[in-house]
């Protein structure tokens, strides 16, 4: 069987629903990472302004809600998974250790960016099972302190 793989960054989950309906053989993996890292990355790329984080956080939240719905509607075709999750759903050989890349943001985020992202997106951060650090650069830089709680409600 020939397989085509497409990586798309910042595709809203709602945009995937019509594709899943129209293409029954389509498989979608929605990777979720710590919103603080996503926010930092999007700001570097000019996709999100630090002055308009509320919209970005609302988009994260909507993607989570839509992802839960699609997981129920299309359990064999849609998977939403944390990039740090120990669970593996790897039918196409796409597995790689993303922990190093996932933590890269922790070494470059500023105190202002950390404080602002946690204040604005704290609800999404905690809903995903990540710890809020309340503006502690010392804790965010210490990679031996895990940010992710494997018992989070959101994990599939």
Foldseek 3Di string as FASTA:
>chain_A
DDDDDDDDPPDQLVVCVVVCVVPVVAAEEAEDAQVLLVQVVCVVVVNDDLVPVLVVLVSLVNSLVSLVVCCVVNVPHYHYAYLCDPDDDPPPPPDDNCVVVRLPVLVPDDLVSLQSCCVNNVVVNVQQAFDRPNSDSVQSNPPVRDGHDNPHPSHD
